[in-house]
Amino acid sequence: MTFELSLNTGTTPNLSLHEAAEAAAQAGLSHIGPWRHLLAEAGGAGPAAQIIAGAGLKASTLCRGGFLTAPSAEAQAAALASNRQAIEEAAVIGANELIMVVGGLPSAAHILGGTGDPADKNIVAARDRVARGLEELVPIALEHGVRLVLEPLHPMYAADRAVLSTLGQALDLASPYPTKAVGVVVDTFHVFWDPQLQQQIQRAGLEHRLASYQICDFNLPIASNALQSRGMMGDGHIDFSAISRWVSQAGYRGPVEVEIFNDEINQQDAALTLATMSQRYETLVLPHLEQAAGVQPASALN
């Protein structure tokens, strides 16, 4: 099967891994993309793998590794250790893809609970540290059969979360490494605005680095907490038909994760969230993926 819908557990933050897996299974999904804290709460990657398999699901990705921009040797060592653990966890739960949010500027580290020099706003140096951290992690990823999946984030997050803002940047960063070691994710919220998006998705396909497709909408006005500005597909301003066609034409055939950070959606009943996202996916996204892939729509087979 291709283009199977997956629940990224960021969409249901009030559920444990067991609860999220059961809700996904009851909604007819075949995949789940857990966040690492849920693995820890479940007792580790081993018990988490049992929970996922016990619900009849597969892990589409693991969120998340990254945060490689700290300048001090001590902080860099801690980041690399955390990423090594994340790679091992991804392997245990059967997620071949570890999503990498690369980190922001030292001057903004306090926003996410870290420490950094308020005067250090050198984004070029921060990006260089990402490249050096990736170089150290690639051999570990290859050893465990896990791909490091670089996620470019919307530019409004460049200071605090990701100095990587475009798919082109991500592909340039990935280019020295084997395709089975480093890939990229197309997250509609983060990249829909990019005037080079179609060409870069095509490039990702040609370079065999298109590792994940994550969807949600871009809502306005921006929430007071910009992280919470994601919306349910169809409620915002993203053209899912075009982006989905480009992703499919580039050769992507894997799971499609719904990842929504939105206070109202995150607090509502999970069954309603799953039912709505499934309906929106089947209406707004799946037909365009299938049409571009030359797949006969499931509705035509009934």
C-alpha atoms as a PDB file:
ATOM      1  CA  MET A   1       0.000   0.000   0.000  1.00  0.00           C
ATOM      2  CA  THR A   2       1.108   3.548  -0.656  1.00  0.00           C
ATOM      3  CA  PHE A   3       0.316   6.895   0.960  1.00  0.00           C
ATOM      4  CA  GLU A   4      -0.976   5.411   4.200  1.00  0.00           C
ATOM      5  CA  LEU A   5      -2.106   7.972   6.748  1.00  0.00           C
ATOM      6  CA  SER A   6      -0.070   8.309   9.947  1.00  0.00           C
ATOM      7  CA  LEU A   7      -0.744  10.087  13.233  1.00  0.00           C
ATOM      8  CA  ASN A   8       2.153  12.180  14.432  1.00  0.00           C
ATOM      9  CA  THR A   9       1.619  12.176  18.196  1.00  0.00           C
ATOM     10  CA  GLY A  10       2.273  15.911  18.362  1.00  0.00           C
ATOM     11  CA  THR A  11      -1.332  16.158  17.159  1.00  0.00           C
ATOM     12  CA  THR A  12      -2.644  14.379  20.274  1.00  0.00           C
ATOM     13  CA  PRO A  13      -0.315  15.638  23.025  1.00  0.00           C
ATOM     14  CA  ASN A  14      -2.588  14.628  25.910  1.00  0.00           C
ATOM     15  CA  LEU A  15      -2.446  10.925  25.008  1.00  0.00           C
ATOM     16  CA  SER A  16       0.110   8.398  26.164  1.00  0.00           C
ATOM     17  CA  LEU A  17       1.745   6.259  23.492  1.00  0.00           C
ATOM     18  CA  HIS A  18      -0.623   3.413  24.324  1.00  0.00           C
ATOM     19  CA  GLU A  19      -3.657   5.703  24.086  1.00  0.00           C
ATOM     20  CA  ALA A  20      -2.451   7.297  20.842  1.00  0.00           C
ATOM     21  CA  ALA A  21      -1.734   3.908  19.280  1.00  0.00           C
ATOM     22  CA  GLU A  22      -5.151   2.588  20.251  1.00  0.00           C
ATOM     23  CA  ALA A  23      -6.866   5.712  18.933  1.00  0.00           C
ATOM     24  CA  ALA A  24      -4.972   5.496  15.649  1.00  0.00           C
ATOM     25  CA  ALA A  25      -5.820   1.831  15.244  1.00  0.00           C
ATOM     26  CA  GLN A  26      -9.492   2.414  16.027  1.00  0.00           C
ATOM     27  CA  ALA A  27      -9.538   5.144  13.372  1.00  0.00           C
ATOM     28  CA  GLY A  28      -8.247   2.663  10.799  1.00  0.00           C
ATOM     29  CA  LEU A  29      -4.718   4.016  10.530  1.00  0.00           C
ATOM     30  CA  SER A  30      -1.728   1.769   9.929  1.00  0.00           C
ATOM     31  CA  HIS A  31       1.094   4.069  11.082  1.00  0.00           C
ATOM     32  CA  ILE A  32       2.059   6.305  13.965  1.00  0.00           C
ATOM     33  CA  GLY A  33       4.903   8.805  14.327  1.00  0.00           C
ATOM     34  CA  PRO A  34       5.771   9.022  18.027  1.00  0.00           C
ATOM     35  CA  TRP A  35       7.711  11.714  19.838  1.00  0.00           C
ATOM     36  CA  ARG A  36      10.627  10.599  21.985  1.00  0.00           C
ATOM     37  CA  HIS A  37       9.167  11.659  25.327  1.00  0.00           C
ATOM     38  CA  LEU A  38       6.355   9.149  24.817  1.00  0.00           C
ATOM     39  CA  LEU A  39       8.930   6.385  24.459  1.00  0.00           C
ATOM     40  CA  ALA A  40      10.498   7.417  27.750  1.00  0.00           C
ATOM     41  CA  GLU A  41       7.105   7.540  29.462  1.00  0.00           C
ATOM     42  CA  ALA A  42       6.361   4.042  28.135  1.00  0.00           C
ATOM     43  CA  GLY A  43       9.493   2.695  29.784  1.00  0.00           C
ATOM     44  CA  GLY A  44      11.871   2.936  26.847  1.00  0.00           C
ATOM     45  CA  ALA A  45      12.084   2.036  23.186  1.00  0.00           C
ATOM     46  CA  GLY A  46      11.546  -1.684  23.758  1.00  0.00           C
ATOM     47  CA  PRO A  47       8.186  -1.375  25.522  1.00  0.00           C
ATOM     48  CA  ALA A  48       7.211   1.361  23.056  1.00  0.00           C
ATOM     49  CA  ALA A  49       7.893  -0.980  20.147  1.00  0.00           C
ATOM     50  CA  GLN A  50       5.616  -3.551  21.766  1.00  0.00           C
ATOM     51  CA  ILE A  51       2.856  -0.980  22.200  1.00  0.00           C
ATOM     52  CA  ILE A  52       3.061   0.081  18.550  1.00  0.00           C
ATOM     53  CA  ALA A  53       3.137  -3.483  17.240  1.00  0.00           C
ATOM     54  CA  GLY A  54       0.415  -4.551  19.671  1.00  0.00           C
ATOM     55  CA  ALA A  55      -1.928  -1.993  18.141  1.00  0.00           C
ATOM     56  CA  GLY A  56      -1.189  -3.356  14.671  1.00  0.00           C
ATOM     57  CA  LEU A  57       0.736  -0.237  13.672  1.00  0.00           C
ATOM     58  CA  LYS A  58       4.133   0.609  12.229  1.00  0.00           C
ATOM     59  CA  ALA A  59       6.273   3.615  13.140  1.00  0.00           C
ATOM     60  CA  SER A  60       6.499   6.058  10.245  1.00  0.00           C
ATOM     61  CA  THR A  61       9.092   8.317  11.881  1.00  0.00           C
ATOM     62  CA  LEU A  62      10.533   9.171  15.264  1.00  0.00           C
ATOM     63  CA  CYS A  63      10.476  12.810  16.403  1.00  0.00           C
ATOM     64  CA  ARG A  64      12.998  14.105  16.971  1.00  0.00           C
ATOM     65  CA  GLY A  65      16.763  14.468  16.862  1.00  0.00           C
ATOM     66  CA  GLY A  66      18.815  17.530  16.092  1.00  0.00           C
ATOM     67  CA  PHE A  67      19.559  20.696  18.110  1.00  0.00           C
ATOM     68  CA  LEU A  68      23.182  20.718  17.062  1.00  0.00           C
ATOM     69  CA  THR A  69      23.913  24.455  17.193  1.00  0.00           C
ATOM     70  CA  ALA A  70      25.208  24.966  20.744  1.00  0.00           C
ATOM     71  CA  PRO A  71      28.735  26.424  20.643  1.00  0.00           C
ATOM     72  CA  SER A  72      30.283  24.982  23.808  1.00  0.00           C
ATOM     73  CA  ALA A  73      32.100  21.651  23.700  1.00  0.00           C
ATOM     74  CA  GLU A  74      30.045  20.386  26.640  1.00  0.00           C
ATOM     75  CA  ALA A  75      26.721  21.242  25.002  1.00  0.00           C
ATOM     76  CA  GLN A  76      27.822  19.753  21.685  1.00  0.00           C
ATOM     77  CA  ALA A  77      28.788  16.507  23.396  1.00  0.00           C
ATOM     78  CA  ALA A  78      25.412  16.368  25.136  1.00  0.00           C
ATOM     79  CA  ALA A  79      23.591  16.963  21.848  1.00  0.00           C
ATOM     80  CA  LEU A  80      25.528  14.227  20.087  1.00  0.00           C
ATOM     81  CA  ALA A  81      24.822  11.800  22.932  1.00  0.00           C
ATOM     82  CA  SER A  82      21.107  12.594  22.759  1.00  0.00           C
ATOM     83  CA  ASN A  83      21.110  12.048  19.005  1.00  0.00           C
ATOM     84  CA  ARG A  84      22.934   8.739  19.324  1.00  0.00           C
ATOM     85  CA  GLN A  85      20.230   7.617  21.728  1.00  0.00           C
ATOM     86  CA  ALA A  86      17.522   8.840  19.348  1.00  0.00           C
ATOM     87  CA  ILE A  87      19.044   6.830  16.507  1.00  0.00           C
ATOM     88  CA  GLU A  88      19.075   3.718  18.685  1.00  0.00           C
ATOM     89  CA  GLU A  89      15.464   4.316  19.741  1.00  0.00           C
ATOM     90  CA  ALA A  90      14.343   4.734  16.138  1.00  0.00           C
ATOM     91  CA  ALA A  91      15.967   1.425  15.236  1.00  0.00           C
ATOM     92  CA  VAL A  92      14.272  -0.377  18.128  1.00  0.00           C
ATOM     93  CA  ILE A  93      10.756   0.848  17.284  1.00  0.00           C
ATOM     94  CA  GLY A  94      11.273   0.111  13.587  1.00  0.00           C
ATOM     95  CA  ALA A  95      11.247   3.722  12.420  1.00  0.00           C
ATOM     96  CA  ASN A  96      13.690   4.016   9.570  1.00  0.00           C
ATOM     97  CA  GLU A  97      13.421   7.821   9.656  1.00  0.00           C
ATOM     98  CA  LEU A  98      14.573  10.103  12.493  1.00  0.00           C
ATOM     99  CA  ILE A  99      13.270  13.643  12.044  1.00  0.00           C
ATOM    100  CA  MET A 100      16.013  16.215  12.662  1.00  0.00           C
ATOM    101  CA  VAL A 101      15.172  19.752  13.827  1.00  0.00           C
ATOM    102  CA  VAL A 102      18.653  21.209  13.673  1.00  0.00           C
ATOM    103  CA  GLY A 103      18.479  23.961  16.310  1.00  0.00           C
ATOM    104  CA  GLY A 104      18.496  27.741  16.466  1.00  0.00           C
ATOM    105  CA  LEU A 105      20.811  30.505  17.589  1.00  0.00           C
ATOM    106  CA  PRO A 106      22.614  30.538  20.951  1.00  0.00           C
ATOM    107  CA  SER A 107      21.048  33.942  21.589  1.00  0.00           C
ATOM    108  CA  ALA A 108      17.583  32.329  21.623  1.00  0.00           C
ATOM    109  CA  ALA A 109      18.442  29.081  23.420  1.00  0.00           C
ATOM    110  CA  HIS A 110      16.701  30.247  26.617  1.00  0.00           C
ATOM    111  CA  ILE A 111      13.356  30.283  24.809  1.00  0.00           C
ATOM    112  CA  LEU A 112      13.369  26.485  24.697  1.00  0.00           C
ATOM    113  CA  GLY A 113      14.803  26.087  28.186  1.00  0.00           C
ATOM    114  CA  GLY A 114      18.459  25.942  27.193  1.00  0.00           C
ATOM    115  CA  THR A 115      21.402  28.211  27.821  1.00  0.00           C
ATOM    116  CA  GLY A 116      23.417  30.271  25.392  1.00  0.00           C
ATOM    117  CA  ASP A 117      25.212  33.535  24.910  1.00  0.00           C
ATOM    118  CA  PRO A 118      22.598  36.274  24.343  1.00  0.00           C
ATOM    119  CA  ALA A 119      25.117  38.060  22.151  1.00  0.00           C
ATOM    120  CA  ASP A 120      25.803  35.065  19.887  1.00  0.00           C
ATOM    121  CA  LYS A 121      23.650  35.689  16.823  1.00  0.00           C
ATOM    122  CA  ASN A 122      26.076  34.237  14.283  1.00  0.00           C
ATOM    123  CA  ILE A 123      23.788  32.164  12.066  1.00  0.00           C
ATOM    124  CA  VAL A 124      26.608  31.184   9.688  1.00  0.00           C
ATOM    125  CA  ALA A 125      28.571  29.633  12.561  1.00  0.00           C
ATOM    126  CA  ALA A 126      25.443  27.901  13.836  1.00  0.00           C
ATOM    127  CA  ARG A 127      24.853  26.307  10.443  1.00  0.00           C
ATOM    128  CA  ASP A 128      28.467  25.194  10.349  1.00  0.00           C
ATOM    129  CA  ARG A 129      28.010  23.422  13.690  1.00  0.00           C
ATOM    130  CA  VAL A 130      24.976  21.618  12.252  1.00  0.00           C
ATOM    131  CA  ALA A 131      27.097  20.373   9.354  1.00  0.00           C
ATOM    132  CA  ARG A 132      29.835  19.157  11.708  1.00  0.00           C
ATOM    133  CA  GLY A 133      27.339  17.446  13.991  1.00  0.00           C
ATOM    134  CA  LEU A 134      25.725  15.697  11.048  1.00  0.00           C
ATOM    135  CA  GLU A 135      29.119  14.433   9.927  1.00  0.00           C
ATOM    136  CA  GLU A 136      29.605  12.770  13.323  1.00  0.00           C
ATOM    137  CA  LEU A 137      26.138  11.221  13.372  1.00  0.00           C
ATOM    138  CA  VAL A 138      26.063   9.727   9.869  1.00  0.00           C
ATOM    139  CA  PRO A 139      28.241   6.677  10.704  1.00  0.00           C
ATOM    140  CA  ILE A 140      26.014   5.899  13.703  1.00  0.00           C
ATOM    141  CA  ALA A 141      22.887   6.219  11.572  1.00  0.00           C
ATOM    142  CA  LEU A 142      24.336   3.884   8.951  1.00  0.00           C
ATOM    143  CA  GLU A 143      25.257   1.362  11.636  1.00  0.00           C
ATOM    144  CA  HIS A 144      21.659   1.237  12.882  1.00  0.00           C
ATOM    145  CA  GLY A 145      19.880   1.449   9.528  1.00  0.00           C
ATOM    146  CA  VAL A 146      18.227   4.753  10.404  1.00  0.00           C
ATOM    147  CA  ARG A 147      18.063   7.759   8.110  1.00  0.00           C
ATOM    148  CA  LEU A 148      18.604  11.257   9.505  1.00  0.00           C
ATOM    149  CA  VAL A 149      15.767  13.303   8.017  1.00  0.00           C
ATOM    150  CA  LEU A 150      16.538  17.018   7.882  1.00  0.00           C
ATOM    151  CA  GLU A 151      13.508  19.220   8.425  1.00  0.00           C
ATOM    152  CA  PRO A 152      13.632  22.794   7.155  1.00  0.00           C
ATOM    153  CA  LEU A 153      11.423  24.983   9.305  1.00  0.00           C
ATOM    154  CA  HIS A 154       9.555  28.146   8.374  1.00  0.00           C
ATOM    155  CA  PRO A 155      11.892  31.169   8.615  1.00  0.00           C
ATOM    156  CA  MET A 156       9.990  32.527  11.619  1.00  0.00           C
ATOM    157  CA  TYR A 157      11.632  29.709  13.601  1.00  0.00           C
ATOM    158  CA  ALA A 158      15.182  30.411  12.407  1.00  0.00           C
ATOM    159  CA  ALA A 159      16.204  32.069  15.673  1.00  0.00           C
ATOM    160  CA  ASP A 160      14.932  29.517  18.177  1.00  0.00           C
ATOM    161  CA  ARG A 161      14.421  26.169  16.428  1.00  0.00           C
ATOM    162  CA  ALA A 162      16.070  25.732  13.048  1.00  0.00           C
ATOM    163  CA  VAL A 163      18.708  27.667  11.169  1.00  0.00           C
ATOM    164  CA  LEU A 164      17.670  25.462   8.241  1.00  0.00           C
ATOM    165  CA  SER A 165      14.792  27.160   6.413  1.00  0.00           C
ATOM    166  CA  THR A 166      14.499  25.777   2.877  1.00  0.00           C
ATOM    167  CA  LEU A 167      14.378  22.401   1.251  1.00  0.00           C
ATOM    168  CA  GLY A 168      17.292  23.466  -0.943  1.00  0.00           C
ATOM    169  CA  GLN A 169      19.428  24.153   2.130  1.00  0.00           C
ATOM    170  CA  ALA A 170      18.534  20.761   3.549  1.00  0.00           C
ATOM    171  CA  LEU A 171      19.446  18.989   0.312  1.00  0.00           C
ATOM    172  CA  ASP A 172      22.756  20.834   0.121  1.00  0.00           C
ATOM    173  CA  LEU A 173      23.538  19.749   3.680  1.00  0.00           C
ATOM    174  CA  ALA A 174      22.599  16.149   2.872  1.00  0.00           C
ATOM    175  CA  SER A 175      24.509  15.945  -0.407  1.00  0.00           C
ATOM    176  CA  PRO A 176      27.882  14.642   0.893  1.00  0.00           C
ATOM    177  CA  TYR A 177      26.282  11.577   2.463  1.00  0.00           C
ATOM    178  CA  PRO A 178      24.681   8.329   1.258  1.00  0.00           C
ATOM    179  CA  THR A 179      20.975   8.601   0.538  1.00  0.00           C
ATOM    180  CA  LYS A 180      20.260   5.845   3.056  1.00  0.00           C
ATOM    181  CA  ALA A 181      21.928   7.956   5.771  1.00  0.00           C
ATOM    182  CA  VAL A 182      20.488  11.460   5.230  1.00  0.00           C
ATOM    183  CA  GLY A 183      17.184  12.526   3.712  1.00  0.00           C
ATOM    184  CA  VAL A 184      14.695  15.387   3.917  1.00  0.00           C
ATOM    185  CA  VAL A 185      11.085  15.851   4.933  1.00  0.00           C
ATOM    186  CA  VAL A 186       8.512  18.016   3.191  1.00  0.00           C
ATOM    187  CA  ASP A 187       6.359  19.548   5.919  1.00  0.00           C
ATOM    188  CA  THR A 188       3.688  21.655   4.254  1.00  0.00           C
ATOM    189  CA  PHE A 189       3.480  24.169   7.100  1.00  0.00           C
ATOM    190  CA  HIS A 190       7.157  24.981   6.876  1.00  0.00           C
ATOM    191  CA  VAL A 191       7.838  25.034   3.138  1.00  0.00           C
ATOM    192  CA  PHE A 192       4.618  25.946   1.293  1.00  0.00           C
ATOM    193  CA  TRP A 193       5.819  29.534   0.798  1.00  0.00           C
ATOM    194  CA  ASP A 194       9.126  28.641  -0.910  1.00  0.00           C
ATOM    195  CA  PRO A 195       9.210  29.876  -4.552  1.00  0.00           C
ATOM    196  CA  GLN A 196      11.657  27.050  -5.303  1.00  0.00           C
ATOM    197  CA  LEU A 197       9.531  24.349  -3.676  1.00  0.00           C
ATOM    198  CA  GLN A 198       8.477  22.457  -6.810  1.00  0.00           C
ATOM    199  CA  GLN A 199      12.029  22.361  -8.165  1.00  0.00           C
ATOM    200  CA  GLN A 200      13.492  21.324  -4.818  1.00  0.00           C
ATOM    201  CA  ILE A 201      10.936  18.545  -4.305  1.00  0.00           C
ATOM    202  CA  GLN A 202      11.809  17.305  -7.778  1.00  0.00           C
ATOM    203  CA  ARG A 203      15.497  17.483  -6.841  1.00  0.00           C
ATOM    204  CA  ALA A 204      14.835  15.543  -3.636  1.00  0.00           C
ATOM    205  CA  GLY A 205      13.203  12.814  -5.694  1.00  0.00           C
ATOM    206  CA  LEU A 206      16.011  12.680  -8.227  1.00  0.00           C
ATOM    207  CA  GLU A 207      18.546  12.469  -5.401  1.00  0.00           C
ATOM    208  CA  HIS A 208      16.487   9.765  -3.616  1.00  0.00           C
ATOM    209  CA  ARG A 209      16.298  11.800  -0.413  1.00  0.00           C
ATOM    210  CA  LEU A 210      12.550  12.355  -0.043  1.00  0.00           C
ATOM    211  CA  ALA A 211      12.046  10.512   3.230  1.00  0.00           C
ATOM    212  CA  SER A 212       8.801  11.831   4.726  1.00  0.00           C
ATOM    213  CA  TYR A 213       5.730  13.907   3.907  1.00  0.00           C
ATOM    214  CA  GLN A 214       4.089  15.740   6.812  1.00  0.00           C
ATOM    215  CA  ILE A 215       0.911  17.748   6.426  1.00  0.00           C
ATOM    216  CA  CYS A 216      -1.103  20.396   8.213  1.00  0.00           C
ATOM    217  CA  ASP A 217      -2.359  23.831   7.256  1.00  0.00           C
ATOM    218  CA  PHE A 218      -0.979  27.344   7.822  1.00  0.00           C
ATOM    219  CA  ASN A 219      -3.457  29.380   9.838  1.00  0.00           C
ATOM    220  CA  LEU A 220      -3.849  33.142  10.146  1.00  0.00           C
ATOM    221  CA  PRO A 221      -3.634  35.136  12.259  1.00  0.00           C
ATOM    222  CA  ILE A 222      -0.421  33.733  13.700  1.00  0.00           C
ATOM    223  CA  ALA A 223      -1.032  32.524  17.247  1.00  0.00           C
ATOM    224  CA  SER A 224       0.582  34.357  20.159  1.00  0.00           C
ATOM    225  CA  ASN A 225       2.718  31.234  20.412  1.00  0.00           C
ATOM    226  CA  ALA A 226       3.778  30.875  16.781  1.00  0.00           C
ATOM    227  CA  LEU A 227       4.298  27.139  17.267  1.00  0.00           C
ATOM    228  CA  GLN A 228       0.531  26.763  17.649  1.00  0.00           C
ATOM    229  CA  SER A 229      -0.340  28.255  14.252  1.00  0.00           C
ATOM    230  CA  ARG A 230      -0.756  24.924  12.490  1.00  0.00           C
ATOM    231  CA  GLY A 231      -4.260  24.010  11.403  1.00  0.00           C
ATOM    232  CA  MET A 232      -6.316  21.121  10.130  1.00  0.00           C
ATOM    233  CA  MET A 233      -5.975  20.649   6.388  1.00  0.00           C
ATOM    234  CA  GLY A 234      -8.449  22.905   4.609  1.00  0.00           C
ATOM    235  CA  ASP A 235      -8.708  25.472   7.412  1.00  0.00           C
ATOM    236  CA  GLY A 236      -5.777  27.633   6.282  1.00  0.00           C
ATOM    237  CA  HIS A 237      -3.901  28.773   3.210  1.00  0.00           C
ATOM    238  CA  ILE A 238      -1.877  25.833   1.854  1.00  0.00           C
ATOM    239  CA  ASP A 239      -2.478  24.381  -1.595  1.00  0.00           C
ATOM    240  CA  PHE A 240      -2.353  20.670  -0.774  1.00  0.00           C
ATOM    241  CA  SER A 241      -3.277  19.634  -4.292  1.00  0.00           C
ATOM    242  CA  ALA A 242      -0.145  21.142  -5.833  1.00  0.00           C
ATOM    243  CA  ILE A 243       2.329  20.098  -3.135  1.00  0.00           C
ATOM    244  CA  SER A 244       0.919  16.581  -2.983  1.00  0.00           C
ATOM    245  CA  ARG A 245       1.238  16.219  -6.760  1.00  0.00           C
ATOM    246  CA  TRP A 246       4.853  17.388  -6.623  1.00  0.00           C
ATOM    247  CA  VAL A 247       5.691  14.970  -3.804  1.00  0.00           C
ATOM    248  CA  SER A 248       4.079  12.078  -5.651  1.00  0.00           C
ATOM    249  CA  GLN A 249       5.676  12.993  -8.971  1.00  0.00           C
ATOM    250  CA  ALA A 250       9.044  12.988  -7.186  1.00  0.00           C
ATOM    251  CA  GLY A 251       8.500   9.327  -6.369  1.00  0.00           C
ATOM    252  CA  TYR A 252       7.406   9.421  -2.751  1.00  0.00           C
ATOM    253  CA  ARG A 253       5.160   6.490  -1.834  1.00  0.00           C
ATOM    254  CA  GLY A 254       5.472   6.307   1.951  1.00  0.00           C
ATOM    255  CA  PRO A 255       3.251   7.197   4.899  1.00  0.00           C
ATOM    256  CA  VAL A 256       1.813  10.697   5.210  1.00  0.00           C
ATOM    257  CA  GLU A 257       1.920  12.116   8.722  1.00  0.00           C
ATOM    258  CA  VAL A 258      -0.509  14.650  10.117  1.00  0.00           C
ATOM    259  CA  GLU A 259       1.335  16.859  12.613  1.00  0.00           C
ATOM    260  CA  ILE A 260      -0.703  19.693  14.108  1.00  0.00           C
ATOM    261  CA  PHE A 261       0.246  21.996  16.971  1.00  0.00           C
ATOM    262  CA  ASN A 262      -2.901  23.975  17.702  1.00  0.00           C
ATOM    263  CA  ASP A 263      -4.384  24.569  21.155  1.00  0.00           C
ATOM    264  CA  GLU A 264      -7.992  23.972  20.118  1.00  0.00           C
ATOM    265  CA  ILE A 265      -7.254  20.818  18.127  1.00  0.00           C
ATOM    266  CA  ASN A 266      -4.790  19.492  20.679  1.00  0.00           C
ATOM    267  CA  GLN A 267      -7.331  19.807  23.500  1.00  0.00           C
ATOM    268  CA  GLN A 268     -10.371  18.344  21.728  1.00  0.00           C
ATOM    269  CA  ASP A 269     -11.403  14.693  21.820  1.00  0.00           C
ATOM    270  CA  ALA A 270      -8.797  12.614  19.981  1.00  0.00           C
ATOM    271  CA  ALA A 271     -11.448  10.587  18.172  1.00  0.00           C
ATOM    272  CA  LEU A 272     -12.801  13.794  16.625  1.00  0.00           C
ATOM    273  CA  THR A 273      -9.295  14.869  15.614  1.00  0.00           C
ATOM    274  CA  LEU A 274      -8.574  11.520  13.965  1.00  0.00           C
ATOM    275  CA  ALA A 275     -11.928  11.407  12.190  1.00  0.00           C
ATOM    276  CA  THR A 276     -11.506  14.947  10.874  1.00  0.00           C
ATOM    277  CA  MET A 277      -7.922  14.488   9.746  1.00  0.00           C
ATOM    278  CA  SER A 278      -8.819  11.237   7.989  1.00  0.00           C
ATOM    279  CA  GLN A 279     -11.703  12.865   6.134  1.00  0.00           C
ATOM    280  CA  ARG A 280      -9.645  15.907   5.151  1.00  0.00           C
ATOM    281  CA  TYR A 281      -6.767  13.707   4.032  1.00  0.00           C
ATOM    282  CA  GLU A 282      -9.013  11.579   1.854  1.00  0.00           C
ATOM    283  CA  THR A 283     -10.597  14.672   0.314  1.00  0.00           C
ATOM    284  CA  LEU A 284      -7.781  17.215   0.028  1.00  0.00           C
ATOM    285  CA  VAL A 285      -4.549  15.218  -0.171  1.00  0.00           C
ATOM    286  CA  LEU A 286      -4.857  11.552  -1.138  1.00  0.00           C
ATOM    287  CA  PRO A 287      -6.579  12.040  -4.528  1.00  0.00           C
ATOM    288  CA  HIS A 288      -3.734  14.253  -5.733  1.00  0.00           C
ATOM    289  CA  LEU A 289      -1.063  11.863  -4.485  1.00  0.00           C
ATOM    290  CA  GLU A 290      -2.769   8.958  -6.229  1.00  0.00           C
ATOM    291  CA  GLN A 291      -3.503  10.811  -9.454  1.00  0.00           C
ATOM    292  CA  ALA A 292       0.109  11.911  -9.838  1.00  0.00           C
ATOM    293  CA  ALA A 293       1.290   8.388  -9.075  1.00  0.00           C
ATOM    294  CA  GLY A 294      -1.105   6.805 -11.553  1.00  0.00           C
ATOM    295  CA  VAL A 295      -2.798   4.881  -8.756  1.00  0.00           C
ATOM    296  CA  GLN A 296      -6.477   4.074  -9.157  1.00  0.00           C
ATOM    297  CA  PRO A 297      -8.316   5.805  -6.296  1.00  0.00           C
ATOM    298  CA  ALA A 298      -9.617   3.445  -3.631  1.00  0.00           C
ATOM    299  CA  SER A 299     -13.121   4.849  -4.100  1.00  0.00           C
ATOM    300  CA  ALA A 300     -13.071   3.639  -7.706  1.00  0.00           C
ATOM    301  CA  LEU A 301     -12.421   0.091  -6.560  1.00  0.00           C
ATOM    302  CA  ASN A 302     -15.559  -0.167  -4.449  1.00  0.00           C
END
